Amino acid sequence: VSVTGDVARSVHVTPLAGPFMLAGAAYLAAALVIFARMRPD
C-alpha cells in the first residue's frame, strides 16, 4: 500500500489509488497467461 501510494503520488494521483494501479497490471498479466498457456482447454 505504501509503495504503490508513492508511485501514485509521483504521477499526481491520490496515494489511495496506488493499489488499484497494481491491480490493473496484475489482472492484465493473469489474462495474458491464461490466454497464451491454457491449451488444451
All heavy atoms as atom14 arrays in JSON, in Angstrom:
{
  "sequence": "VSVTGDVARSVHVTPLAGPFMLAGAAYLAAALVIFARMRPD",
  "atom14_mask": [
    [1, 1, 1, 1, 1, 1, 1, 0, 0, 0, 0, 0, 0, 0],
    [1, 1, 1, 1, 1, 1, 0, 0, 0, 0, 0, 0, 0, 0],
    [1, 1, 1, 1, 1, 1, 1, 0, 0, 0, 0, 0, 0, 0],
    [1, 1, 1, 1, 1, 1, 1, 0, 0, 0, 0, 0, 0, 0],
    [1, 1, 1, 1, 0, 0, 0, 0, 0, 0, 0, 0, 0, 0],
    [1, 1, 1, 1, 1, 1, 1, 1, 0, 0, 0, 0, 0, 0],
    [1, 1, 1, 1, 1, 1, 1, 0, 0, 0, 0, 0, 0, 0],
    [1, 1, 1, 1, 1, 0, 0, 0, 0, 0, 0, 0, 0, 0],
    [1, 1, 1, 1, 1, 1, 1, 1, 1, 1, 1, 0, 0, 0],
    [1, 1, 1, 1, 1, 1, 0, 0, 0, 0, 0, 0, 0, 0],
    [1, 1, 1, 1, 1, 1, 1, 0, 0, 0, 0, 0, 0, 0],
    [1, 1, 1, 1, 1, 1, 1, 1, 1, 1, 0, 0, 0, 0],
    [1, 1, 1, 1, 1, 1, 1, 0, 0, 0, 0, 0, 0, 0],
    [1, 1, 1, 1, 1, 1, 1, 0, 0, 0, 0, 0, 0, 0],
    [1, 1, 1, 1, 1, 1, 1, 0, 0, 0, 0, 0, 0, 0],
    [1, 1, 1, 1, 1, 1, 1, 1, 0, 0, 0, 0, 0, 0],
    [1, 1, 1, 1, 1, 0, 0, 0, 0, 0, 0, 0, 0, 0],
    [1, 1, 1, 1, 0, 0, 0, 0, 0, 0, 0, 0, 0, 0],
    [1, 1, 1, 1, 1, 1, 1, 0, 0, 0, 0, 0, 0, 0],
    [1, 1, 1, 1, 1, 1, 1, 1, 1, 1, 1, 0, 0, 0],
    [1, 1, 1, 1, 1, 1, 1, 1, 0, 0, 0, 0, 0, 0],
    [1, 1, 1, 1, 1, 1, 1, 1, 0, 0, 0, 0, 0, 0],
    [1, 1, 1, 1, 1, 0, 0, 0, 0, 0, 0, 0, 0, 0],
    [1, 1, 1, 1, 0, 0, 0, 0, 0, 0, 0, 0, 0, 0],
    [1, 1, 1, 1, 1, 0, 0, 0, 0, 0, 0, 0, 0, 0],
    [1, 1, 1, 1, 1, 0, 0, 0, 0, 0, 0, 0, 0, 0],
    [1, 1, 1, 1, 1, 1, 1, 1, 1, 1, 1, 1, 0, 0],
    [1, 1, 1, 1, 1, 1, 1, 1, 0, 0, 0, 0, 0, 0],
    [1, 1, 1, 1, 1, 0, 0, 0, 0, 0, 0, 0, 0, 0],
    [1, 1, 1, 1, 1, 0, 0, 0, 0, 0, 0, 0, 0, 0],
    [1, 1, 1, 1, 1, 0, 0, 0, 0, 0, 0, 0, 0, 0],
    [1, 1, 1, 1, 1, 1, 1, 1, 0, 0, 0, 0, 0, 0],
    [1, 1, 1, 1, 1, 1, 1, 0, 0, 0, 0, 0, 0, 0],
    [1, 1, 1, 1, 1, 1, 1, 1, 0, 0, 0, 0, 0, 0],
    [1, 1, 1, 1, 1, 1, 1, 1, 1, 1, 1, 0, 0, 0],
    [1, 1, 1, 1, 1, 0, 0, 0, 0, 0, 0, 0, 0, 0],
    [1, 1, 1, 1, 1, 1, 1, 1, 1, 1, 1, 0, 0, 0],
    [1, 1, 1, 1, 1, 1, 1, 1, 0, 0, 0, 0, 0, 0],
    [1, 1, 1, 1, 1, 1, 1, 1, 1, 1, 1, 0, 0, 0],
    [1, 1, 1, 1, 1, 1, 1, 0, 0, 0, 0, 0, 0, 0],
    [1, 1, 1, 1, 1, 1, 1, 1, 0, 0, 0, 0, 0, 0]
  ],
  "atom14_positions": [
    [[0.84, -1.21, 0.0], [0.0, 0.0, 0.0], [0.87, 1.25, 0.0], [0.64, 2.19, -0.78], [-0.95, -0.01, 1.22], [-1.61, 1.36, 1.38], [-2.01, -1.08, 1.05], [0.0, 0.0, 0.0], [0.0, 0.0, 0.0], [0.0, 0.0, 0.0], [0.0, 0.0, 0.0], [0.0, 0.0, 0.0], [0.0, 0.0, 0.0], [0.0, 0.0, 0.0]],
    [[1.88, 1.3, 0.85], [2.72, 2.49, 0.93], [3.53, 2.68, -0.34], [3.65, 3.8, -0.87], [3.66, 2.39, 2.14], [2.93, 2.35, 3.33], [0.0, 0.0, 0.0], [0.0, 0.0, 0.0], [0.0, 0.0, 0.0], [0.0, 0.0, 0.0], [0.0, 0.0, 0.0], [0.0, 0.0, 0.0], [0.0, 0.0, 0.0], [0.0, 0.0, 0.0]],
    [[4.09, 1.58, -0.86], [4.91, 1.67, -2.08], [4.08, 2.12, -3.26], [4.45, 3.04, -4.0], [5.57, 0.31, -2.37], [6.33, 0.35, -3.7], [6.51, -0.09, -1.24], [0.0, 0.0, 0.0], [0.0, 0.0, 0.0], [0.0, 0.0, 0.0], [0.0, 0.0, 0.0], [0.0, 0.0, 0.0], [0.0, 0.0, 0.0], [0.0, 0.0, 0.0]],
    [[2.93, 1.48, -3.46], [2.08, 1.86, -4.59], [1.51, 3.26, -4.4], [1.28, 3.99, -5.36], [0.93, 0.85, -4.78], [0.17, 0.76, -3.55], [1.46, -0.52, -5.14], [0.0, 0.0, 0.0], [0.0, 0.0, 0.0], [0.0, 0.0, 0.0], [0.0, 0.0, 0.0], [0.0, 0.0, 0.0], [0.0, 0.0, 0.0], [0.0, 0.0, 0.0]],
    [[1.32, 3.64, -3.13], [0.87, 5.02, -2.86], [1.91, 6.03, -3.3], [1.57, 7.08, -3.86], [0.0, 0.0, 0.0], [0.0, 0.0, 0.0], [0.0, 0.0, 0.0], [0.0, 0.0, 0.0], [0.0, 0.0, 0.0], [0.0, 0.0, 0.0], [0.0, 0.0, 0.0], [0.0, 0.0, 0.0], [0.0, 0.0, 0.0], [0.0, 0.0, 0.0]],
    [[3.19, 5.73, -3.07], [4.26, 6.62, -3.52], [4.3, 6.7, -5.04], [4.52, 7.79, -5.61], [5.61, 6.12, -3.01], [5.74, 6.25, -1.49], [4.98, 7.05, -0.9], [6.59, 5.54, -0.91], [0.0, 0.0, 0.0], [0.0, 0.0, 0.0], [0.0, 0.0, 0.0], [0.0, 0.0, 0.0], [0.0, 0.0, 0.0], [0.0, 0.0, 0.0]],
    [[4.07, 5.57, -5.7], [4.04, 5.57, -7.17], [2.9, 6.43, -7.67], [3.05, 7.24, -8.6], [3.92, 4.13, -7.71], [3.72, 4.15, -9.23], [5.15, 3.31, -7.34], [0.0, 0.0, 0.0], [0.0, 0.0, 0.0], [0.0, 0.0, 0.0], [0.0, 0.0, 0.0], [0.0, 0.0, 0.0], [0.0, 0.0, 0.0], [0.0, 0.0, 0.0]],
    [[1.73, 6.28, -7.04], [0.57, 7.08, -7.45], [0.84, 8.57, -7.24], [0.51, 9.41, -8.1], [-0.66, 6.64, -6.67], [0.0, 0.0, 0.0], [0.0, 0.0, 0.0], [0.0, 0.0, 0.0], [0.0, 0.0, 0.0], [0.0, 0.0, 0.0], [0.0, 0.0, 0.0], [0.0, 0.0, 0.0], [0.0, 0.0, 0.0], [0.0, 0.0, 0.0]],
    [[1.45, 8.9, -6.12], [1.75, 10.3, -5.83], [2.72, 10.88, -6.86], [2.62, 12.06, -7.24], [2.34, 10.42, -4.42], [2.45, 11.86, -3.93], [3.06, 11.93, -2.54], [2.18, 11.36, -1.52], [2.4, 10.21, -0.9], [3.47, 9.48, -1.18], [1.56, 9.78, 0.01], [0.0, 0.0, 0.0], [0.0, 0.0, 0.0], [0.0, 0.0, 0.0]],
    [[3.64, 10.04, -7.34], [4.63, 10.52, -8.31], [4.01, 10.88, -9.65], [4.59, 11.64, -10.42], [5.72, 9.47, -8.51], [5.22, 8.34, -9.2], [0.0, 0.0, 0.0], [0.0, 0.0, 0.0], [0.0, 0.0, 0.0], [0.0, 0.0, 0.0], [0.0, 0.0, 0.0], [0.0, 0.0, 0.0], [0.0, 0.0, 0.0], [0.0, 0.0, 0.0]],
    [[2.82, 10.31, -9.93], [2.13, 10.65, -11.19], [0.92, 11.54, -10.9], [-0.03, 11.61, -11.69], [1.72, 9.39, -11.96], [2.94, 8.63, -12.44], [0.82, 8.48, -11.11], [0.0, 0.0, 0.0], [0.0, 0.0, 0.0], [0.0, 0.0, 0.0], [0.0, 0.0, 0.0], [0.0, 0.0, 0.0], [0.0, 0.0, 0.0], [0.0, 0.0, 0.0]],
    [[0.94, 12.19, -9.71], [-0.07, 13.19, -9.34], [-1.46, 12.58, -9.22], [-2.47, 13.17, -9.63], [-0.08, 14.34, -10.35], [1.27, 14.93, -10.58], [1.97, 15.63, -9.62], [2.09, 14.89, -11.68], [3.15, 16.01, -10.1], [3.25, 15.56, -11.33], [0.0, 0.0, 0.0], [0.0, 0.0, 0.0], [0.0, 0.0, 0.0], [0.0, 0.0, 0.0]],
    [[-1.52, 11.38, -8.61], [-2.78, 10.72, -8.31], [-2.8, 10.47, -6.81], [-1.75, 10.3, -6.18], [-2.91, 9.38, -9.07], [-4.2, 8.66, -8.7], [-2.87, 9.63, -10.57], [0.0, 0.0, 0.0], [0.0, 0.0, 0.0], [0.0, 0.0, 0.0], [0.0, 0.0, 0.0], [0.0, 0.0, 0.0], [0.0, 0.0, 0.0], [0.0, 0.0, 0.0]],
    [[-4.0, 10.47, -6.2], [-4.09, 10.22, -4.76], [-3.43, 8.9, -4.39], [-3.58, 7.9, -5.1], [-5.57, 10.2, -4.31], [-5.62, 9.82, -2.92], [-6.39, 9.2, -5.09], [0.0, 0.0, 0.0], [0.0, 0.0, 0.0], [0.0, 0.0, 0.0], [0.0, 0.0, 0.0], [0.0, 0.0, 0.0], [0.0, 0.0, 0.0], [0.0, 0.0, 0.0]],
    [[-2.68, 8.85, -3.3], [-2.0, 7.61, -2.9], [-2.94, 6.42, -2.74], [-2.53, 5.27, -2.93], [-1.35, 7.99, -1.56], [-1.17, 9.47, -1.63], [-2.33, 9.98, -2.41], [0.0, 0.0, 0.0], [0.0, 0.0, 0.0], [0.0, 0.0, 0.0], [0.0, 0.0, 0.0], [0.0, 0.0, 0.0], [0.0, 0.0, 0.0], [0.0, 0.0, 0.0]],
    [[-4.21, 6.67, -2.39], [-5.15, 5.57, -2.22], [-5.41, 4.82, -3.53], [-5.87, 3.67, -3.52], [-6.49, 6.09, -1.68], [-6.48, 6.59, -0.22], [-7.84, 7.13, 0.15], [-6.06, 5.48, 0.72], [0.0, 0.0, 0.0], [0.0, 0.0, 0.0], [0.0, 0.0, 0.0], [0.0, 0.0, 0.0], [0.0, 0.0, 0.0], [0.0, 0.0, 0.0]],
    [[-5.11, 5.46, -4.67], [-5.3, 4.8, -5.97], [-4.16, 3.86, -6.31], [-4.27, 3.06, -7.25], [-5.46, 5.85, -7.07], [0.0, 0.0, 0.0], [0.0, 0.0, 0.0], [0.0, 0.0, 0.0], [0.0, 0.0, 0.0], [0.0, 0.0, 0.0], [0.0, 0.0, 0.0], [0.0, 0.0, 0.0], [0.0, 0.0, 0.0], [0.0, 0.0, 0.0]],
    [[-3.05, 3.93, -5.56], [-1.9, 3.1, -5.86], [-2.2, 1.61, -5.94], [-1.79, 0.94, -6.9], [0.0, 0.0, 0.0], [0.0, 0.0, 0.0], [0.0, 0.0, 0.0], [0.0, 0.0, 0.0], [0.0, 0.0, 0.0], [0.0, 0.0, 0.0], [0.0, 0.0, 0.0], [0.0, 0.0, 0.0], [0.0, 0.0, 0.0], [0.0, 0.0, 0.0]],
    [[-2.9, 1.03, -4.94], [-3.21, -0.4, -5.03], [-4.02, -0.79, -6.27], [-3.88, -1.9, -6.78], [-4.01, -0.66, -3.75], [-3.5, 0.36, -2.78], [-3.25, 1.58, -3.62], [0.0, 0.0, 0.0], [0.0, 0.0, 0.0], [0.0, 0.0, 0.0], [0.0, 0.0, 0.0], [0.0, 0.0, 0.0], [0.0, 0.0, 0.0], [0.0, 0.0, 0.0]],
    [[-4.85, 0.13, -6.76], [-5.61, -0.17, -7.97], [-4.71, -0.16, -9.21], [-4.99, -0.85, -10.19], [-6.77, 0.81, -8.14], [-7.95, 0.49, -7.26], [-8.14, 1.13, -6.05], [-8.87, -0.48, -7.64], [-9.22, 0.83, -5.24], [-9.96, -0.79, -6.85], [-10.13, -0.14, -5.63], [0.0, 0.0, 0.0], [0.0, 0.0, 0.0], [0.0, 0.0, 0.0]],
    [[-3.65, 0.64, -9.18], [-2.67, 0.58, -10.27], [-2.01, -0.8, -10.31], [-1.83, -1.39, -11.39], [-1.63, 1.69, -10.09], [-2.21, 3.08, -10.17], [-1.02, 4.39, -9.71], [0.14, 4.27, -11.06], [0.0, 0.0, 0.0], [0.0, 0.0, 0.0], [0.0, 0.0, 0.0], [0.0, 0.0, 0.0], [0.0, 0.0, 0.0], [0.0, 0.0, 0.0]],
    [[-1.65, -1.3, -9.14], [-1.09, -2.65, -9.06], [-2.1, -3.68, -9.54], [-1.75, -4.62, -10.28], [-0.66, -2.95, -7.62], [-0.21, -4.38, -7.32], [1.05, -4.72, -8.11], [0.03, -4.57, -5.82], [0.0, 0.0, 0.0], [0.0, 0.0, 0.0], [0.0, 0.0, 0.0], [0.0, 0.0, 0.0], [0.0, 0.0, 0.0], [0.0, 0.0, 0.0]],
    [[-3.36, -3.52, -9.14], [-4.4, -4.49, -9.51], [-4.58, -4.54, -11.03], [-4.72, -5.63, -11.61], [-5.72, -4.11, -8.85], [0.0, 0.0, 0.0], [0.0, 0.0, 0.0], [0.0, 0.0, 0.0], [0.0, 0.0, 0.0], [0.0, 0.0, 0.0], [0.0, 0.0, 0.0], [0.0, 0.0, 0.0], [0.0, 0.0, 0.0], [0.0, 0.0, 0.0]],
    [[-4.56, -3.39, -11.69], [-4.74, -3.38, -13.14], [-3.63, -4.14, -13.85], [-3.9, -4.95, -14.75], [0.0, 0.0, 0.0], [0.0, 0.0, 0.0], [0.0, 0.0, 0.0], [0.0, 0.0, 0.0], [0.0, 0.0, 0.0], [0.0, 0.0, 0.0], [0.0, 0.0, 0.0], [0.0, 0.0, 0.0], [0.0, 0.0, 0.0], [0.0, 0.0, 0.0]],
    [[-2.4, -3.91, -13.43], [-1.27, -4.61, -14.05], [-1.33, -6.11, -13.76], [-1.06, -6.94, -14.64], [0.05, -4.02, -13.54], [0.0, 0.0, 0.0], [0.0, 0.0, 0.0], [0.0, 0.0, 0.0], [0.0, 0.0, 0.0], [0.0, 0.0, 0.0], [0.0, 0.0, 0.0], [0.0, 0.0, 0.0], [0.0, 0.0, 0.0], [0.0, 0.0, 0.0]],
    [[-1.71, -6.46, -12.53], [-1.74, -7.87, -12.15], [-2.82, -8.63, -12.91], [-2.59, -9.75, -13.41], [-1.97, -7.99, -10.64], [0.0, 0.0, 0.0], [0.0, 0.0, 0.0], [0.0, 0.0, 0.0], [0.0, 0.0, 0.0], [0.0, 0.0, 0.0], [0.0, 0.0, 0.0], [0.0, 0.0, 0.0], [0.0, 0.0, 0.0], [0.0, 0.0, 0.0]],
    [[-4.02, -8.06, -12.99], [-5.1, -8.74, -13.71], [-4.79, -8.87, -15.2], [-5.1, -9.89, -15.83], [-6.41, -7.98, -13.52], [-7.11, -8.25, -12.21], [-7.79, -7.23, -11.53], [-7.1, -9.52, -11.63], [-8.44, -7.47, -10.33], [-7.75, -9.76, -10.43], [-8.41, -8.73, -9.79], [-9.06, -8.97, -8.59], [0.0, 0.0, 0.0], [0.0, 0.0, 0.0]],
    [[-4.19, -7.85, -15.78], [-3.85, -7.92, -17.2], [-2.82, -9.03, -17.44], [-2.94, -9.8, -18.41], [-3.3, -6.57, -17.67], [-2.91, -6.5, -19.16], [-4.1, -6.82, -20.05], [-2.33, -5.13, -19.49], [0.0, 0.0, 0.0], [0.0, 0.0, 0.0], [0.0, 0.0, 0.0], [0.0, 0.0, 0.0], [0.0, 0.0, 0.0], [0.0, 0.0, 0.0]],
    [[-1.83, -9.14, -16.58], [-0.83, -10.2, -16.72], [-1.46, -11.57, -16.58], [-1.13, -12.51, -17.32], [0.27, -10.01, -15.67], [0.0, 0.0, 0.0], [0.0, 0.0, 0.0], [0.0, 0.0, 0.0], [0.0, 0.0, 0.0], [0.0, 0.0, 0.0], [0.0, 0.0, 0.0], [0.0, 0.0, 0.0], [0.0, 0.0, 0.0], [0.0, 0.0, 0.0]],
    [[-2.41, -11.72, -15.65], [-3.1, -13.01, -15.49], [-3.89, -13.37, -16.74], [-3.91, -14.54, -17.16], [-4.02, -12.95, -14.27], [0.0, 0.0, 0.0], [0.0, 0.0, 0.0], [0.0, 0.0, 0.0], [0.0, 0.0, 0.0], [0.0, 0.0, 0.0], [0.0, 0.0, 0.0], [0.0, 0.0, 0.0], [0.0, 0.0, 0.0], [0.0, 0.0, 0.0]],
    [[-4.55, -12.38, -17.34], [-5.31, -12.64, -18.56], [-4.4, -13.14, -19.68], [-4.74, -14.07, -20.41], [-6.03, -11.36, -19.0], [0.0, 0.0, 0.0], [0.0, 0.0, 0.0], [0.0, 0.0, 0.0], [0.0, 0.0, 0.0], [0.0, 0.0, 0.0], [0.0, 0.0, 0.0], [0.0, 0.0, 0.0], [0.0, 0.0, 0.0], [0.0, 0.0, 0.0]],
    [[-3.23, -12.53, -19.81], [-2.3, -12.93, -20.87], [-1.77, -14.34, -20.64], [-1.62, -15.12, -21.58], [-1.14, -11.93, -20.94], [-1.52, -10.51, -21.38], [-0.32, -9.58, -21.27], [-2.06, -10.52, -22.81], [0.0, 0.0, 0.0], [0.0, 0.0, 0.0], [0.0, 0.0, 0.0], [0.0, 0.0, 0.0], [0.0, 0.0, 0.0], [0.0, 0.0, 0.0]],
    [[-1.51, -14.7, -19.37], [-1.02, -16.04, -19.06], [-2.07, -17.08, -19.43], [-1.77, -18.11, -20.07], [-0.64, -16.15, -17.57], [-0.43, -17.61, -17.16], [0.61, -15.34, -17.29], [0.0, 0.0, 0.0], [0.0, 0.0, 0.0], [0.0, 0.0, 0.0], [0.0, 0.0, 0.0], [0.0, 0.0, 0.0], [0.0, 0.0, 0.0], [0.0, 0.0, 0.0]],
    [[-3.31, -16.85, -19.04], [-4.38, -17.8, -19.35], [-4.57, -17.92, -20.85], [-4.69, -19.03, -21.4], [-5.7, -17.36, -18.68], [-5.59, -17.48, -17.16], [-6.87, -18.19, -19.21], [-5.52, -18.89, -16.64], [0.0, 0.0, 0.0], [0.0, 0.0, 0.0], [0.0, 0.0, 0.0], [0.0, 0.0, 0.0], [0.0, 0.0, 0.0], [0.0, 0.0, 0.0]],
    [[-4.62, -16.79, -21.53], [-4.88, -16.81, -22.97], [-3.77, -17.54, -23.74], [-4.03, -18.28, -24.69], [-5.03, -15.38, -23.5], [-5.41, -15.31, -24.95], [-6.72, -15.54, -25.34], [-4.46, -15.02, -25.92], [-7.07, -15.48, -26.69], [-4.81, -14.96, -27.25], [-6.11, -15.19, -27.64], [0.0, 0.0, 0.0], [0.0, 0.0, 0.0], [0.0, 0.0, 0.0]],
    [[-2.54, -17.34, -23.31], [-1.41, -17.89, -24.06], [-1.12, -19.35, -23.71], [-0.69, -20.12, -24.57], [-0.16, -17.04, -23.79], [0.0, 0.0, 0.0], [0.0, 0.0, 0.0], [0.0, 0.0, 0.0], [0.0, 0.0, 0.0], [0.0, 0.0, 0.0], [0.0, 0.0, 0.0], [0.0, 0.0, 0.0], [0.0, 0.0, 0.0], [0.0, 0.0, 0.0]],
    [[-1.38, -19.76, -22.45], [-0.87, -21.04, -21.98], [-1.92, -22.11, -21.68], [-1.59, -23.3, -21.64], [-0.03, -20.83, -20.72], [1.18, -19.93, -20.92], [2.19, -20.58, -21.85], [2.68, -21.84, -21.29], [3.27, -22.8, -21.99], [3.44, -22.66, -23.3], [3.69, -23.9, -21.4], [0.0, 0.0, 0.0], [0.0, 0.0, 0.0], [0.0, 0.0, 0.0]],
    [[-3.18, -21.75, -21.48], [-4.16, -22.77, -21.11], [-4.69, -23.5, -22.34], [-5.8, -23.31, -22.8], [-5.32, -22.18, -20.31], [-6.26, -23.24, -19.74], [-7.54, -22.58, -18.65], [-6.63, -22.5, -17.12], [0.0, 0.0, 0.0], [0.0, 0.0, 0.0], [0.0, 0.0, 0.0], [0.0, 0.0, 0.0], [0.0, 0.0, 0.0], [0.0, 0.0, 0.0]],
    [[-3.84, -24.36, -22.88], [-4.17, -25.18, -24.05], [-3.61, -26.58, -23.81], [-2.46, -26.69, -23.39], [-3.53, -24.6, -25.32], [-3.87, -23.16, -25.64], [-2.93, -22.64, -26.73], [-3.1, -21.24, -27.02], [-3.89, -20.74, -27.98], [-4.56, -21.56, -28.75], [-3.99, -19.45, -28.17], [0.0, 0.0, 0.0], [0.0, 0.0, 0.0], [0.0, 0.0, 0.0]],
    [[-4.39, -27.62, -24.07], [-5.81, -27.68, -24.42], [-6.7, -27.21, -23.25], [-6.25, -27.17, -22.12], [-6.05, -29.16, -24.7], [-4.7, -29.77, -24.85], [-3.77, -28.96, -24.02], [0.0, 0.0, 0.0], [0.0, 0.0, 0.0], [0.0, 0.0, 0.0], [0.0, 0.0, 0.0], [0.0, 0.0, 0.0], [0.0, 0.0, 0.0], [0.0, 0.0, 0.0]],
    [[-7.94, -26.89, -23.58], [-8.86, -26.39, -22.58], [-9.33, -27.55, -21.69], [-9.78, -28.58, -22.18], [-10.06, -25.75, -23.27], [-10.94, -25.01, -22.29], [-11.75, -25.67, -21.61], [-10.81, -23.78, -22.19], [0.0, 0.0, 0.0], [0.0, 0.0, 0.0], [0.0, 0.0, 0.0], [0.0, 0.0, 0.0], [0.0, 0.0, 0.0], [0.0, 0.0, 0.0]]
  ]
}
